[in-house]
Amino acid sequence: MDWMEYGLDGVDAVRVVVSCVIFYFGVILLLRVFGQRTLASLSSFDLAAIMAIGAIIGRSILGDTPTLAGGVLGLATLLILQALTGLGRRFGVIRSVVSSPAVVLMAGSEILADNLSRTHVDHDELMAKLRSAGIRNRDEVACAILESTGQISIIRRGVPIAEEMLTGVVGAERVPREG
């Protein structure tokens, strides 16, 4: 089979693969810098921005004239990188690079402004999540945690919190244990 018929020679194939790898790890780095909330809940503005970013990245990976073979090779490279990253999460070093730790945003009724700032979560966003969880008063909250997925979990007061529930959570020592 002559790959040039499909617009891809050996040099182009290497360029596509290398570009995919660089962009993949570049996106992971940027998500680590800007925080796990970056992709957790997308507004219509965020979705439009992500689509534009995807188009720019895709165009950059595939070059001036995208081809079928280049697109298939780029897609295959990204899927392989994703699979390898998933496997690598089993190891502490790789997990710490690609996954952000969970962070306490509220400890009891106290909002932890330092952790809000660190995780790029604003006060209004936290209040909206509390309301959506049915919280009527901050005194009802045992803790609010920004999970590694970017979602915010709310744990209500009333039942003591098991130690394992807060293992590995940044700021867990600030959460009142009585629940």
Protein backbone atom coordinates (compact mmCIF):
# COMPACT_ATOMS: atom_id res chain seq x y z
CA MET A 1 0.00 0.00 0.00
CA ASP A 2 1.32 3.43 -0.92
CA TRP A 3 0.53 5.74 1.99
CA MET A 4 1.35 8.76 -0.18
CA GLU A 5 -1.93 8.09 -2.01
CA TYR A 6 -3.57 9.08 1.26
CA GLY A 7 -1.28 12.06 1.80
CA LEU A 8 1.04 10.63 4.43
CA ASP A 9 4.71 9.73 4.13
CA GLY A 10 7.10 8.60 6.88
CA VAL A 11 8.14 12.13 7.82
CA ASP A 12 4.52 13.28 8.04
CA ALA A 13 3.62 10.24 10.16
CA VAL A 14 6.41 10.99 12.64
CA ARG A 15 5.36 14.66 12.74
CA VAL A 16 1.75 13.70 13.49
CA VAL A 17 2.75 11.31 16.29
CA VAL A 18 5.24 13.74 17.86
CA SER A 19 2.72 16.60 17.65
CA CYS A 20 0.06 14.45 19.33
CA VAL A 21 2.39 13.51 22.16
CA ILE A 22 3.48 17.12 22.73
CA PHE A 23 -0.07 18.48 22.68
CA TYR A 24 -1.36 15.67 24.91
CA PHE A 25 1.18 16.33 27.65
CA GLY A 26 0.87 20.08 27.09
CA VAL A 27 -2.87 19.91 27.77
CA ILE A 28 -2.25 17.80 30.90
CA LEU A 29 0.27 20.39 32.10
CA LEU A 30 -2.11 23.28 31.45
CA LEU A 31 -4.93 21.51 33.29
CA ARG A 32 -2.60 21.00 36.27
CA VAL A 33 -1.67 24.69 36.23
CA PHE A 34 -5.23 25.98 35.87
CA GLY A 35 -6.80 23.42 38.20
CA GLN A 36 -9.21 20.53 38.03
CA ARG A 37 -12.25 22.82 37.82
CA THR A 38 -11.22 23.83 34.30
CA LEU A 39 -13.26 21.10 32.62
CA ALA A 40 -15.64 19.99 35.37
CA SER A 41 -18.71 22.04 34.58
CA LEU A 42 -18.77 23.73 31.24
CA SER A 43 -20.88 26.76 30.45
CA SER A 44 -21.80 27.43 26.84
CA PHE A 45 -18.88 29.88 26.70
CA ASP A 46 -16.50 27.20 28.04
CA LEU A 47 -17.79 24.66 25.52
CA ALA A 48 -17.25 27.08 22.64
CA ALA A 49 -13.72 27.80 23.86
CA ILE A 50 -12.92 24.08 24.14
CA MET A 51 -14.23 23.41 20.63
CA ALA A 52 -12.03 26.23 19.30
CA ILE A 53 -9.02 24.89 21.21
CA GLY A 54 -9.69 21.41 19.80
CA ALA A 55 -9.84 22.80 16.28
CA ILE A 56 -6.54 24.65 16.78
CA ILE A 57 -4.84 21.59 18.25
CA GLY A 58 -6.22 19.32 15.51
CA ARG A 59 -5.06 21.67 12.80
CA SER A 60 -1.64 21.97 14.44
CA ILE A 61 -1.25 18.21 14.70
CA LEU A 62 -2.38 17.45 11.14
CA GLY A 63 -0.62 20.33 9.37
CA ASP A 64 -1.65 22.49 6.43
CA THR A 65 -3.59 19.86 4.54
CA PRO A 66 -5.24 17.31 6.82
CA THR A 67 -5.49 13.86 5.31
CA LEU A 68 -7.46 10.74 6.10
CA ALA A 69 -4.32 8.81 7.03
CA GLY A 70 -3.02 11.69 9.16
CA GLY A 71 -6.35 11.95 10.97
CA VAL A 72 -6.49 8.22 11.66
CA LEU A 73 -2.87 8.22 12.86
CA GLY A 74 -3.49 11.27 15.09
CA LEU A 75 -6.63 9.74 16.57
CA ALA A 76 -4.90 6.41 17.16
CA THR A 77 -1.97 8.17 18.85
CA LEU A 78 -4.27 10.11 21.18
CA LEU A 79 -6.23 6.96 22.08
CA ILE A 80 -3.01 5.07 22.80
CA LEU A 81 -1.75 7.94 24.98
CA GLN A 82 -5.06 7.95 26.85
CA ALA A 83 -4.88 4.20 27.42
CA LEU A 84 -1.26 4.39 28.59
CA THR A 85 -2.11 7.25 30.94
CA GLY A 86 -5.00 5.21 32.35
CA LEU A 87 -2.67 2.29 32.99
CA GLY A 88 -0.04 4.60 34.42
CA ARG A 89 -2.43 5.97 37.03
CA ARG A 90 -1.80 2.79 38.99
CA PHE A 91 1.63 4.20 39.84
CA GLY A 92 1.98 7.07 42.31
CA VAL A 93 4.32 9.20 40.23
CA ILE A 94 2.15 9.16 37.10
CA ARG A 95 -1.06 9.51 39.14
CA SER A 96 0.34 12.63 40.82
CA VAL A 97 1.21 14.13 37.42
CA VAL A 98 -2.12 13.50 35.67
CA SER A 99 -4.58 13.66 38.59
CA SER A 100 -5.10 16.49 41.02
CA PRO A 101 -5.73 15.56 44.65
CA ALA A 102 -9.08 16.21 46.27
CA VAL A 103 -9.11 19.46 48.29
CA VAL A 104 -11.31 20.56 51.20
CA LEU A 105 -13.18 23.77 50.33
CA MET A 106 -15.31 23.94 53.49
CA ALA A 107 -14.49 22.52 56.91
CA GLY A 108 -17.69 22.59 58.90
CA SER A 109 -19.35 25.93 58.26
CA GLU A 110 -15.97 27.61 57.55
CA ILE A 111 -15.20 28.38 53.93
CA LEU A 112 -11.49 27.88 53.30
CA ALA A 113 -10.65 30.92 51.18
CA ASP A 114 -7.05 29.77 50.68
CA ASN A 115 -8.20 26.46 49.15
CA LEU A 116 -10.87 28.18 47.03
CA SER A 117 -8.20 30.42 45.58
CA ARG A 118 -5.73 27.58 45.09
CA THR A 119 -8.28 25.47 43.20
CA HIS A 120 -9.81 28.31 41.16
CA VAL A 121 -13.26 27.80 42.67
CA ASP A 122 -15.10 31.00 43.48
CA HIS A 123 -17.43 31.63 46.40
CA ASP A 124 -20.53 31.90 44.20
CA GLU A 125 -19.79 28.54 42.57
CA LEU A 126 -19.47 26.91 46.00
CA MET A 127 -22.73 28.49 47.15
CA ALA A 128 -24.50 27.23 44.02
CA LYS A 129 -23.25 23.70 44.72
CA LEU A 130 -24.43 23.91 48.33
CA ARG A 131 -27.88 25.00 47.19
CA SER A 132 -28.07 22.22 44.60
CA ALA A 133 -27.20 19.74 47.38
CA GLY A 134 -30.18 20.99 49.39
CA ILE A 135 -28.11 22.89 51.95
CA ARG A 136 -30.14 25.67 53.56
CA ASN A 137 -27.55 26.85 56.08
CA ARG A 138 -23.76 26.52 56.26
CA ASP A 139 -24.14 24.87 59.68
CA GLU A 140 -25.55 21.79 57.91
CA VAL A 141 -22.19 21.14 56.19
CA ALA A 142 -19.54 18.80 57.59
CA CYS A 143 -17.30 19.53 54.60
CA ALA A 144 -17.25 20.40 50.92
CA ILE A 145 -14.54 18.75 48.84
CA LEU A 146 -13.34 19.50 45.34
CA GLU A 147 -12.80 15.99 43.99
CA SER A 148 -9.99 15.03 41.60
CA THR A 149 -12.64 14.92 38.84
CA GLY A 150 -13.40 18.62 39.35
CA GLN A 151 -16.81 17.95 40.90
CA ILE A 152 -17.68 19.31 44.33
CA SER A 153 -18.94 16.83 46.94
CA ILE A 154 -20.93 17.95 49.96
CA ILE A 155 -20.92 15.87 53.15
CA ARG A 156 -23.62 16.79 55.66
CA ARG A 157 -23.23 16.99 59.41
CA GLY A 158 -24.87 14.39 61.61
CA VAL A 159 -22.82 11.22 61.29
CA PRO A 160 -19.09 11.04 62.11
CA ILE A 161 -16.90 10.95 58.99
CA ALA A 162 -14.89 7.75 58.60
CA GLU A 163 -11.14 8.37 58.35
CA GLU A 164 -10.91 6.56 55.00
CA MET A 165 -13.34 9.06 53.44
CA LEU A 166 -10.75 11.81 53.87
CA THR A 167 -7.58 9.84 53.10
CA GLY A 168 -5.44 11.72 50.62
CA VAL A 169 -7.65 14.82 50.70
CA VAL A 170 -5.67 18.05 51.01
CA GLY A 171 -6.87 19.95 54.09
CA ALA A 172 -8.59 16.91 55.68
CA GLU A 173 -7.05 17.82 59.04
CA ARG A 174 -9.25 20.94 59.09
CA VAL A 175 -12.52 18.96 58.87
CA PRO A 176 -14.35 18.47 62.18
CA ARG A 177 -14.47 14.71 62.83
CA GLU A 178 -17.82 14.63 64.56
CA GLY A 179 -19.53 15.14 61.24
